[in-house]
């Protein structure tokens, strides 16, 4: 699970990139696929309990590894912890599962910092010094490099994963079965990954003299090319047919990636 307050969105994306890189390199030989999950992609609407308790049940309890990232904020307090991220860390460790914690030391404009949040973060960081080891980083590039190296080290040497991923006597891997990589056309895969990386929306627009299929600020349709239009509109239809995207307006101009779509993007 990727855990963090709301001021490190780029780092959350980097963690997903690193997980995809690990899968591309190691998934076949290790007979395991890592799924980067977070509350924004793997929680669903549900009433009857405190929001953080629902996230814990839907996402945290299903996760084997937690990667937490902080910069200037600790996060919103919950009923039982100083923030949702702190509660996730505490519960994950209490369950006997490994947690990797990162603190950014990147420069920040002082007038953009919430002093109360920063003070709370400083106190939490100090408390971590007596509970284990954490990592710091100064830039997105350095964060990427450290997470990539330390994720592999954790999966290779932490007892939780050496037991979970070690070959059994029958020559198979213990733990959950490896998810099946979805079969998608090249265009549908490219469109899905672009949408996932930029907020989860796909726009299908028709206008005088042409059309557009957009995701991540890019128009995939080549202007004046009917074949290109058919290919990319077909890619949208393919994602909808497989349940990876669904229309969110009556005119079918906006399609949103579903939870199944996010999971599929993690595997391709």
C-alpha atoms as a PDB file:
ATOM      1  CA  UNK A   1       0.000   0.000   0.000  1.00  0.00           C
ATOM      2  CA  UNK A   2       1.168   3.531  -0.808  1.00  0.00           C
ATOM      3  CA  UNK A   3       0.481   5.716   2.247  1.00  0.00           C
ATOM      4  CA  UNK A   4       0.965   9.469   2.437  1.00  0.00           C
ATOM      5  CA  UNK A   5      -0.636  12.858   3.086  1.00  0.00           C
ATOM      6  CA  UNK A   6      -1.763  14.865   0.077  1.00  0.00           C
ATOM      7  CA  UNK A   7       1.419  16.837  -0.641  1.00  0.00           C
ATOM      8  CA  UNK A   8       3.485  14.071  -2.287  1.00  0.00           C
ATOM      9  CA  UNK A   9       1.433  13.036  -5.313  1.00  0.00           C
ATOM     10  CA  UNK A  10       4.483  12.854  -7.565  1.00  0.00           C
ATOM     11  CA  UNK A  11       6.145  10.441  -5.146  1.00  0.00           C
ATOM     12  CA  UNK A  12       3.026   8.254  -5.139  1.00  0.00           C
ATOM     13  CA  UNK A  13       3.316   8.067  -8.924  1.00  0.00           C
ATOM     14  CA  UNK A  14       7.010   7.234  -8.658  1.00  0.00           C
ATOM     15  CA  UNK A  15       6.287   4.309  -6.328  1.00  0.00           C
ATOM     16  CA  UNK A  16       3.878   2.940  -8.940  1.00  0.00           C
ATOM     17  CA  UNK A  17       6.533   3.345 -11.644  1.00  0.00           C
ATOM     18  CA  UNK A  18       9.087   1.472  -9.536  1.00  0.00           C
ATOM     19  CA  UNK A  19       6.631  -1.366  -8.923  1.00  0.00           C
ATOM     20  CA  UNK A  20       5.978  -1.636 -12.672  1.00  0.00           C
ATOM     21  CA  UNK A  21       9.741  -1.763 -13.262  1.00  0.00           C
ATOM     22  CA  UNK A  22      10.125  -4.555 -10.701  1.00  0.00           C
ATOM     23  CA  UNK A  23       7.324  -6.531 -12.332  1.00  0.00           C
ATOM     24  CA  UNK A  24       8.871  -6.144 -15.780  1.00  0.00           C
ATOM     25  CA  UNK A  25      12.215  -7.443 -14.523  1.00  0.00           C
ATOM     26  CA  UNK A  26      11.333 -10.003 -11.853  1.00  0.00           C
ATOM     27  CA  UNK A  27       7.693 -11.104 -12.099  1.00  0.00           C
ATOM     28  CA  UNK A  28       8.320 -14.126 -14.303  1.00  0.00           C
ATOM     29  CA  UNK A  29      11.365 -15.437 -12.433  1.00  0.00           C
ATOM     30  CA  UNK A  30       9.788 -14.855  -9.008  1.00  0.00           C
ATOM     31  CA  UNK A  31       6.327 -16.063 -10.083  1.00  0.00           C
ATOM     32  CA  UNK A  32       4.817 -13.009  -8.390  1.00  0.00           C
ATOM     33  CA  UNK A  33       3.338  -9.693  -9.457  1.00  0.00           C
ATOM     34  CA  UNK A  34       3.287  -6.621  -7.217  1.00  0.00           C
ATOM     35  CA  UNK A  35       0.167  -4.451  -7.242  1.00  0.00           C
ATOM     36  CA  UNK A  36       0.649  -0.834  -6.084  1.00  0.00           C
ATOM     37  CA  UNK A  37      -2.552  -0.029  -4.199  1.00  0.00           C
ATOM     38  CA  UNK A  38      -3.782   3.152  -2.552  1.00  0.00           C
ATOM     39  CA  UNK A  39      -6.967   4.536  -1.090  1.00  0.00           C
ATOM     40  CA  UNK A  40      -7.662   6.611  -4.219  1.00  0.00           C
ATOM     41  CA  UNK A  41      -7.714   3.573  -6.513  1.00  0.00           C
ATOM     42  CA  UNK A  42      -8.713   0.632  -4.326  1.00  0.00           C
ATOM     43  CA  UNK A  43     -11.313   1.946  -1.881  1.00  0.00           C
ATOM     44  CA  UNK A  44     -15.002   2.082  -2.706  1.00  0.00           C
ATOM     45  CA  UNK A  45     -17.906   4.140  -1.283  1.00  0.00           C
ATOM     46  CA  UNK A  46     -19.279   2.657   1.941  1.00  0.00           C
ATOM     47  CA  UNK A  47     -21.252   4.138   4.845  1.00  0.00           C
ATOM     48  CA  UNK A  48     -21.453   3.016   8.456  1.00  0.00           C
ATOM     49  CA  UNK A  49     -17.926   3.531   9.803  1.00  0.00           C
ATOM     50  CA  UNK A  50     -15.179   6.122  10.109  1.00  0.00           C
ATOM     51  CA  UNK A  51     -13.560   6.716   6.690  1.00  0.00           C
ATOM     52  CA  UNK A  52     -10.118   5.597   7.848  1.00  0.00           C
ATOM     53  CA  UNK A  53     -11.544   2.389   9.287  1.00  0.00           C
ATOM     54  CA  UNK A  54     -13.073   1.612   5.890  1.00  0.00           C
ATOM     55  CA  UNK A  55      -9.762   2.275   4.118  1.00  0.00           C
ATOM     56  CA  UNK A  56      -8.011   0.020   6.619  1.00  0.00           C
ATOM     57  CA  UNK A  57     -10.456  -2.799   5.917  1.00  0.00           C
ATOM     58  CA  UNK A  58     -10.647  -2.371   2.130  1.00  0.00           C
ATOM     59  CA  UNK A  59      -7.006  -1.633   1.360  1.00  0.00           C
ATOM     60  CA  UNK A  60      -4.538  -1.794   4.249  1.00  0.00           C
ATOM     61  CA  UNK A  61      -5.447  -5.239   5.589  1.00  0.00           C
ATOM     62  CA  UNK A  62      -5.040  -6.742   2.103  1.00  0.00           C
ATOM     63  CA  UNK A  63      -1.540  -5.315   1.666  1.00  0.00           C
ATOM     64  CA  UNK A  64       1.775  -7.064   2.337  1.00  0.00           C
ATOM     65  CA  UNK A  65       4.115  -4.068   2.163  1.00  0.00           C
ATOM     66  CA  UNK A  66       3.496  -0.436   3.087  1.00  0.00           C
ATOM     67  CA  UNK A  67       5.521   2.426   1.604  1.00  0.00           C
ATOM     68  CA  UNK A  68       4.867   5.736   3.370  1.00  0.00           C
ATOM     69  CA  UNK A  69       6.062   9.135   2.138  1.00  0.00           C
ATOM     70  CA  UNK A  70       6.074  12.535   3.895  1.00  0.00           C
ATOM     71  CA  UNK A  71       7.187  16.045   2.966  1.00  0.00           C
ATOM     72  CA  UNK A  72       5.602  18.975   4.845  1.00  0.00           C
ATOM     73  CA  UNK A  73       2.383  17.454   6.209  1.00  0.00           C
ATOM     74  CA  UNK A  74       1.499  14.651   8.613  1.00  0.00           C
ATOM     75  CA  UNK A  75      -2.101  14.402   7.449  1.00  0.00           C
ATOM     76  CA  UNK A  76      -5.612  14.580   8.860  1.00  0.00           C
ATOM     77  CA  UNK A  77      -6.126  13.165  12.382  1.00  0.00           C
ATOM     78  CA  UNK A  78      -8.316  10.085  12.799  1.00  0.00           C
ATOM     79  CA  UNK A  79     -10.231   8.750  15.784  1.00  0.00           C
ATOM     80  CA  UNK A  80      -7.199   6.805  17.000  1.00  0.00           C
ATOM     81  CA  UNK A  81      -4.070   8.385  15.499  1.00  0.00           C
ATOM     82  CA  UNK A  82      -2.456  11.701  14.680  1.00  0.00           C
ATOM     83  CA  UNK A  83      -3.177  11.104  10.967  1.00  0.00           C
ATOM     84  CA  UNK A  84      -4.569   8.507   8.612  1.00  0.00           C
ATOM     85  CA  UNK A  85      -1.087   7.720   7.315  1.00  0.00           C
ATOM     86  CA  UNK A  86       0.254   7.255  10.844  1.00  0.00           C
ATOM     87  CA  UNK A  87      -2.649   4.934  11.665  1.00  0.00           C
ATOM     88  CA  UNK A  88      -1.915   2.883   8.559  1.00  0.00           C
ATOM     89  CA  UNK A  89       1.753   2.581   9.523  1.00  0.00           C
ATOM     90  CA  UNK A  90       0.968   1.580  13.103  1.00  0.00           C
ATOM     91  CA  UNK A  91      -1.624  -1.039  12.136  1.00  0.00           C
ATOM     92  CA  UNK A  92       0.554  -2.471   9.382  1.00  0.00           C
ATOM     93  CA  UNK A  93       3.529  -2.902  11.719  1.00  0.00           C
ATOM     94  CA  UNK A  94       1.279  -4.329  14.445  1.00  0.00           C
ATOM     95  CA  UNK A  95       0.163  -6.986  11.944  1.00  0.00           C
ATOM     96  CA  UNK A  96       3.783  -8.098  11.579  1.00  0.00           C
ATOM     97  CA  UNK A  97       4.209  -6.697   8.080  1.00  0.00           C
ATOM     98  CA  UNK A  98       7.125  -4.545   6.828  1.00  0.00           C
ATOM     99  CA  UNK A  99       6.804  -0.778   6.392  1.00  0.00           C
ATOM    100  CA  UNK A 100       9.235   1.479   4.512  1.00  0.00           C
ATOM    101  CA  UNK A 101       9.066   5.175   5.519  1.00  0.00           C
ATOM    102  CA  UNK A 102      10.512   8.063   3.507  1.00  0.00           C
ATOM    103  CA  UNK A 103      10.842  11.759   4.407  1.00  0.00           C
ATOM    104  CA  UNK A 104      11.497  14.413   1.787  1.00  0.00           C
ATOM    105  CA  UNK A 105      14.031  17.139   2.518  1.00  0.00           C
ATOM    106  CA  UNK A 106      13.296  18.970  -0.741  1.00  0.00           C
ATOM    107  CA  UNK A 107      13.121  22.781  -0.496  1.00  0.00           C
ATOM    108  CA  UNK A 108       9.675  24.303   0.031  1.00  0.00           C
ATOM    109  CA  UNK A 109       8.292  27.847   0.041  1.00  0.00           C
ATOM    110  CA  UNK A 110       7.781  28.736   3.700  1.00  0.00           C
ATOM    111  CA  UNK A 111       4.528  30.618   3.073  1.00  0.00           C
ATOM    112  CA  UNK A 112       3.002  27.429   1.650  1.00  0.00           C
ATOM    113  CA  UNK A 113       3.679  25.369   4.779  1.00  0.00           C
ATOM    114  CA  UNK A 114       1.015  24.746   7.424  1.00  0.00           C
ATOM    115  CA  UNK A 115       3.013  25.268  10.615  1.00  0.00           C
ATOM    116  CA  UNK A 116       0.865  22.980  12.754  1.00  0.00           C
ATOM    117  CA  UNK A 117       1.159  20.205  10.189  1.00  0.00           C
ATOM    118  CA  UNK A 118       4.917  20.653   9.911  1.00  0.00           C
ATOM    119  CA  UNK A 119       5.375  20.608  13.676  1.00  0.00           C
ATOM    120  CA  UNK A 120       3.307  17.425  13.928  1.00  0.00           C
ATOM    121  CA  UNK A 121       5.383  15.856  11.155  1.00  0.00           C
ATOM    122  CA  UNK A 122       8.621  16.831  12.912  1.00  0.00           C
ATOM    123  CA  UNK A 123       7.430  15.200  16.135  1.00  0.00           C
ATOM    124  CA  UNK A 124       6.435  12.022  14.287  1.00  0.00           C
ATOM    125  CA  UNK A 125       9.765  11.872  12.473  1.00  0.00           C
ATOM    126  CA  UNK A 126      11.574  12.186  15.782  1.00  0.00           C
ATOM    127  CA  UNK A 127       9.505   9.356  17.247  1.00  0.00           C
ATOM    128  CA  UNK A 128      10.506   7.117  14.324  1.00  0.00           C
ATOM    129  CA  UNK A 129      14.159   7.389  15.332  1.00  0.00           C
ATOM    130  CA  UNK A 130      13.575   5.027  18.255  1.00  0.00           C
ATOM    131  CA  UNK A 131      11.351   2.605  16.344  1.00  0.00           C
ATOM    132  CA  UNK A 132      13.466   1.657  13.349  1.00  0.00           C
ATOM    133  CA  UNK A 133      15.187   3.056  10.270  1.00  0.00           C
ATOM    134  CA  UNK A 134      13.708   5.545   7.841  1.00  0.00           C
ATOM    135  CA  UNK A 135      15.063   7.052   4.623  1.00  0.00           C
ATOM    136  CA  UNK A 136      15.343  10.648   3.399  1.00  0.00           C
ATOM    137  CA  UNK A 137      15.632  12.027  -0.123  1.00  0.00           C
ATOM    138  CA  UNK A 138      16.195  15.409  -1.739  1.00  0.00           C
ATOM    139  CA  UNK A 139      14.630  15.072  -5.202  1.00  0.00           C
ATOM    140  CA  UNK A 140      12.193  12.916  -7.190  1.00  0.00           C
ATOM    141  CA  UNK A 141      15.118  11.310  -9.033  1.00  0.00           C
ATOM    142  CA  UNK A 142      16.843  10.361  -5.801  1.00  0.00           C
ATOM    143  CA  UNK A 143      13.551   9.056  -4.394  1.00  0.00           C
ATOM    144  CA  UNK A 144      13.051   6.883  -7.466  1.00  0.00           C
ATOM    145  CA  UNK A 145      16.554   5.444  -7.218  1.00  0.00           C
ATOM    146  CA  UNK A 146      16.297   4.726  -3.497  1.00  0.00           C
ATOM    147  CA  UNK A 147      12.867   3.102  -3.660  1.00  0.00           C
ATOM    148  CA  UNK A 148      13.884   0.960  -6.634  1.00  0.00           C
ATOM    149  CA  UNK A 149      16.972  -0.348  -4.856  1.00  0.00           C
ATOM    150  CA  UNK A 150      15.425  -0.722  -1.421  1.00  0.00           C
ATOM    151  CA  UNK A 151      12.249  -2.378  -2.671  1.00  0.00           C
ATOM    152  CA  UNK A 152      14.331  -5.143  -4.228  1.00  0.00           C
ATOM    153  CA  UNK A 153      16.425  -5.438  -1.071  1.00  0.00           C
ATOM    154  CA  UNK A 154      13.288  -5.735   1.061  1.00  0.00           C
ATOM    155  CA  UNK A 155      11.717  -8.371  -1.158  1.00  0.00           C
ATOM    156  CA  UNK A 156      14.965 -10.351  -1.247  1.00  0.00           C
ATOM    157  CA  UNK A 157      15.934 -10.233   2.434  1.00  0.00           C
ATOM    158  CA  UNK A 158      12.982  -9.393   4.685  1.00  0.00           C
ATOM    159  CA  UNK A 159      11.789 -12.600   6.413  1.00  0.00           C
ATOM    160  CA  UNK A 160       8.154 -11.782   5.651  1.00  0.00           C
ATOM    161  CA  UNK A 161       8.851 -11.943   1.911  1.00  0.00           C
ATOM    162  CA  UNK A 162      11.430 -14.716   1.929  1.00  0.00           C
ATOM    163  CA  UNK A 163       8.712 -16.899   3.440  1.00  0.00           C
ATOM    164  CA  UNK A 164       5.920 -15.577   1.246  1.00  0.00           C
ATOM    165  CA  UNK A 165       7.842 -15.806  -2.032  1.00  0.00           C
ATOM    166  CA  UNK A 166      10.068 -18.828  -1.422  1.00  0.00           C
ATOM    167  CA  UNK A 167       9.573 -21.877  -3.665  1.00  0.00           C
ATOM    168  CA  UNK A 168       7.578 -24.699  -2.076  1.00  0.00           C
ATOM    169  CA  UNK A 169       8.590 -28.333  -2.259  1.00  0.00           C
ATOM    170  CA  UNK A 170       6.371 -28.706  -5.327  1.00  0.00           C
ATOM    171  CA  UNK A 171       8.287 -25.958  -7.092  1.00  0.00           C
ATOM    172  CA  UNK A 172       5.492 -23.372  -6.901  1.00  0.00           C
ATOM    173  CA  UNK A 173       5.375 -20.132  -4.972  1.00  0.00           C
ATOM    174  CA  UNK A 174       3.601 -19.735  -1.663  1.00  0.00           C
ATOM    175  CA  UNK A 175       1.039 -16.983  -1.208  1.00  0.00           C
ATOM    176  CA  UNK A 176      -1.646 -15.744  -3.582  1.00  0.00           C
ATOM    177  CA  UNK A 177      -1.788 -16.852  -7.190  1.00  0.00           C
ATOM    178  CA  UNK A 178      -0.183 -14.575  -9.744  1.00  0.00           C
ATOM    179  CA  UNK A 179      -2.768 -12.290 -11.400  1.00  0.00           C
ATOM    180  CA  UNK A 180      -3.353 -12.877 -15.109  1.00  0.00           C
ATOM    181  CA  UNK A 181      -2.062 -10.106 -17.350  1.00  0.00           C
ATOM    182  CA  UNK A 182      -5.058  -8.774 -19.313  1.00  0.00           C
ATOM    183  CA  UNK A 183      -5.128  -9.149 -23.089  1.00  0.00           C
ATOM    184  CA  UNK A 184      -5.441  -5.719 -24.668  1.00  0.00           C
ATOM    185  CA  UNK A 185      -4.542  -4.244 -28.026  1.00  0.00           C
ATOM    186  CA  UNK A 186      -1.480  -2.031 -28.126  1.00  0.00           C
ATOM    187  CA  UNK A 187      -3.658   1.075 -28.492  1.00  0.00           C
ATOM    188  CA  UNK A 188      -5.974   0.151 -25.620  1.00  0.00           C
ATOM    189  CA  UNK A 189      -2.981  -0.543 -23.370  1.00  0.00           C
ATOM    190  CA  UNK A 190      -1.345   2.767 -24.260  1.00  0.00           C
ATOM    191  CA  UNK A 191      -4.575   4.695 -23.721  1.00  0.00           C
ATOM    192  CA  UNK A 192      -5.251   3.018 -20.365  1.00  0.00           C
ATOM    193  CA  UNK A 193      -1.757   3.677 -19.028  1.00  0.00           C
ATOM    194  CA  UNK A 194      -1.899   7.300 -20.136  1.00  0.00           C
ATOM    195  CA  UNK A 195      -5.273   7.800 -18.428  1.00  0.00           C
ATOM    196  CA  UNK A 196      -4.148   6.134 -15.203  1.00  0.00           C
ATOM    197  CA  UNK A 197      -1.039   8.317 -15.046  1.00  0.00           C
ATOM    198  CA  UNK A 198      -3.047  11.540 -15.376  1.00  0.00           C
ATOM    199  CA  UNK A 199      -6.158  11.295 -13.234  1.00  0.00           C
ATOM    200  CA  UNK A 200      -8.120   8.451 -14.812  1.00  0.00           C
ATOM    201  CA  UNK A 201     -10.167  10.308 -17.459  1.00  0.00           C
ATOM    202  CA  UNK A 202     -10.470   9.643 -21.216  1.00  0.00           C
ATOM    203  CA  UNK A 203     -12.179  12.256 -23.387  1.00  0.00           C
ATOM    204  CA  UNK A 204     -13.936  11.344 -26.651  1.00  0.00           C
ATOM    205  CA  UNK A 205     -14.853  14.500 -28.555  1.00  0.00           C
ATOM    206  CA  UNK A 206     -16.344  15.161 -31.980  1.00  0.00           C
ATOM    207  CA  UNK A 207     -16.161  18.573 -33.624  1.00  0.00           C
ATOM    208  CA  UNK A 208     -16.453  20.149 -37.033  1.00  0.00           C
ATOM    209  CA  UNK A 209     -13.806  18.625 -39.250  1.00  0.00           C
ATOM    210  CA  UNK A 210     -12.494  16.008 -36.878  1.00  0.00           C
ATOM    211  CA  UNK A 211     -12.503  14.217 -33.528  1.00  0.00           C
ATOM    212  CA  UNK A 212     -10.270  13.604 -30.546  1.00  0.00           C
ATOM    213  CA  UNK A 213      -9.555  10.820 -28.083  1.00  0.00           C
ATOM    214  CA  UNK A 214      -7.616  12.427 -25.257  1.00  0.00           C
ATOM    215  CA  UNK A 215      -5.892  11.244 -22.089  1.00  0.00           C
ATOM    216  CA  UNK A 216      -3.079  12.848 -20.148  1.00  0.00           C
ATOM    217  CA  UNK A 217      -3.300  16.013 -22.251  1.00  0.00           C
ATOM    218  CA  UNK A 218      -2.583  14.116 -25.456  1.00  0.00           C
ATOM    219  CA  UNK A 219      -4.854  13.667 -28.479  1.00  0.00           C
ATOM    220  CA  UNK A 220      -4.262  10.167 -29.829  1.00  0.00           C
ATOM    221  CA  UNK A 221      -6.213  10.705 -33.083  1.00  0.00           C
ATOM    222  CA  UNK A 222      -4.149  11.856 -36.033  1.00  0.00           C
ATOM    223  CA  UNK A 223      -5.913  14.901 -37.551  1.00  0.00           C
ATOM    224  CA  UNK A 224      -7.634  14.195 -40.862  1.00  0.00           C
ATOM    225  CA  UNK A 225      -7.046  10.442 -40.619  1.00  0.00           C
ATOM    226  CA  UNK A 226     -10.300   8.408 -40.471  1.00  0.00           C
ATOM    227  CA  UNK A 227      -8.364   5.194 -39.835  1.00  0.00           C
ATOM    228  CA  UNK A 228      -6.648   6.713 -36.806  1.00  0.00           C
ATOM    229  CA  UNK A 229     -10.028   7.870 -35.502  1.00  0.00           C
ATOM    230  CA  UNK A 230     -11.473   4.362 -35.868  1.00  0.00           C
ATOM    231  CA  UNK A 231      -8.482   2.782 -34.132  1.00  0.00           C
ATOM    232  CA  UNK A 232      -8.558   5.004 -31.066  1.00  0.00           C
ATOM    233  CA  UNK A 233     -12.334   5.081 -30.702  1.00  0.00           C
ATOM    234  CA  UNK A 234     -12.116   1.290 -30.948  1.00  0.00           C
ATOM    235  CA  UNK A 235      -9.567   1.329 -28.127  1.00  0.00           C
ATOM    236  CA  UNK A 236     -12.051   3.193 -25.935  1.00  0.00           C
ATOM    237  CA  UNK A 237     -14.761   0.662 -26.831  1.00  0.00           C
ATOM    238  CA  UNK A 238     -12.355  -2.164 -25.958  1.00  0.00           C
ATOM    239  CA  UNK A 239     -11.608  -0.707 -22.515  1.00  0.00           C
ATOM    240  CA  UNK A 240     -15.315  -0.227 -21.843  1.00  0.00           C
ATOM    241  CA  UNK A 241     -16.160  -3.735 -23.044  1.00  0.00           C
ATOM    242  CA  UNK A 242     -13.605  -5.282 -20.696  1.00  0.00           C
ATOM    243  CA  UNK A 243     -14.842  -3.189 -17.763  1.00  0.00           C
ATOM    244  CA  UNK A 244     -11.647  -1.114 -17.530  1.00  0.00           C
ATOM    245  CA  UNK A 245     -13.405   2.198 -18.270  1.00  0.00           C
ATOM    246  CA  UNK A 246     -16.975   3.415 -18.048  1.00  0.00           C
ATOM    247  CA  UNK A 247     -18.860   6.384 -19.439  1.00  0.00           C
ATOM    248  CA  UNK A 248     -19.613   9.059 -16.859  1.00  0.00           C
ATOM    249  CA  UNK A 249     -21.922  11.336 -18.848  1.00  0.00           C
ATOM    250  CA  UNK A 250     -24.991  10.848 -21.084  1.00  0.00           C
ATOM    251  CA  UNK A 251     -23.164  12.118 -24.178  1.00  0.00           C
ATOM    252  CA  UNK A 252     -20.422   9.508 -23.681  1.00  0.00           C
ATOM    253  CA  UNK A 253     -17.724  12.135 -23.956  1.00  0.00           C
ATOM    254  CA  UNK A 254     -15.992  11.341 -20.661  1.00  0.00           C
ATOM    255  CA  UNK A 255     -14.872   7.842 -19.696  1.00  0.00           C
ATOM    256  CA  UNK A 256     -13.380   7.100 -16.310  1.00  0.00           C
ATOM    257  CA  UNK A 257     -10.986   4.289 -15.491  1.00  0.00           C
ATOM    258  CA  UNK A 258     -12.583   1.743 -13.154  1.00  0.00           C
ATOM    259  CA  UNK A 259     -10.923  -0.060 -10.276  1.00  0.00           C
ATOM    260  CA  UNK A 260     -10.486  -3.046 -12.583  1.00  0.00           C
ATOM    261  CA  UNK A 261      -8.825  -0.690 -15.060  1.00  0.00           C
ATOM    262  CA  UNK A 262      -6.334   0.528 -12.473  1.00  0.00           C
ATOM    263  CA  UNK A 263      -5.524  -3.066 -11.553  1.00  0.00           C
ATOM    264  CA  UNK A 264      -5.084  -3.951 -15.234  1.00  0.00           C
ATOM    265  CA  UNK A 265      -2.769  -0.983 -15.786  1.00  0.00           C
ATOM    266  CA  UNK A 266      -0.569  -2.243 -12.951  1.00  0.00           C
ATOM    267  CA  UNK A 267      -0.077  -5.505 -14.844  1.00  0.00           C
ATOM    268  CA  UNK A 268       0.628  -4.279 -18.394  1.00  0.00           C
END
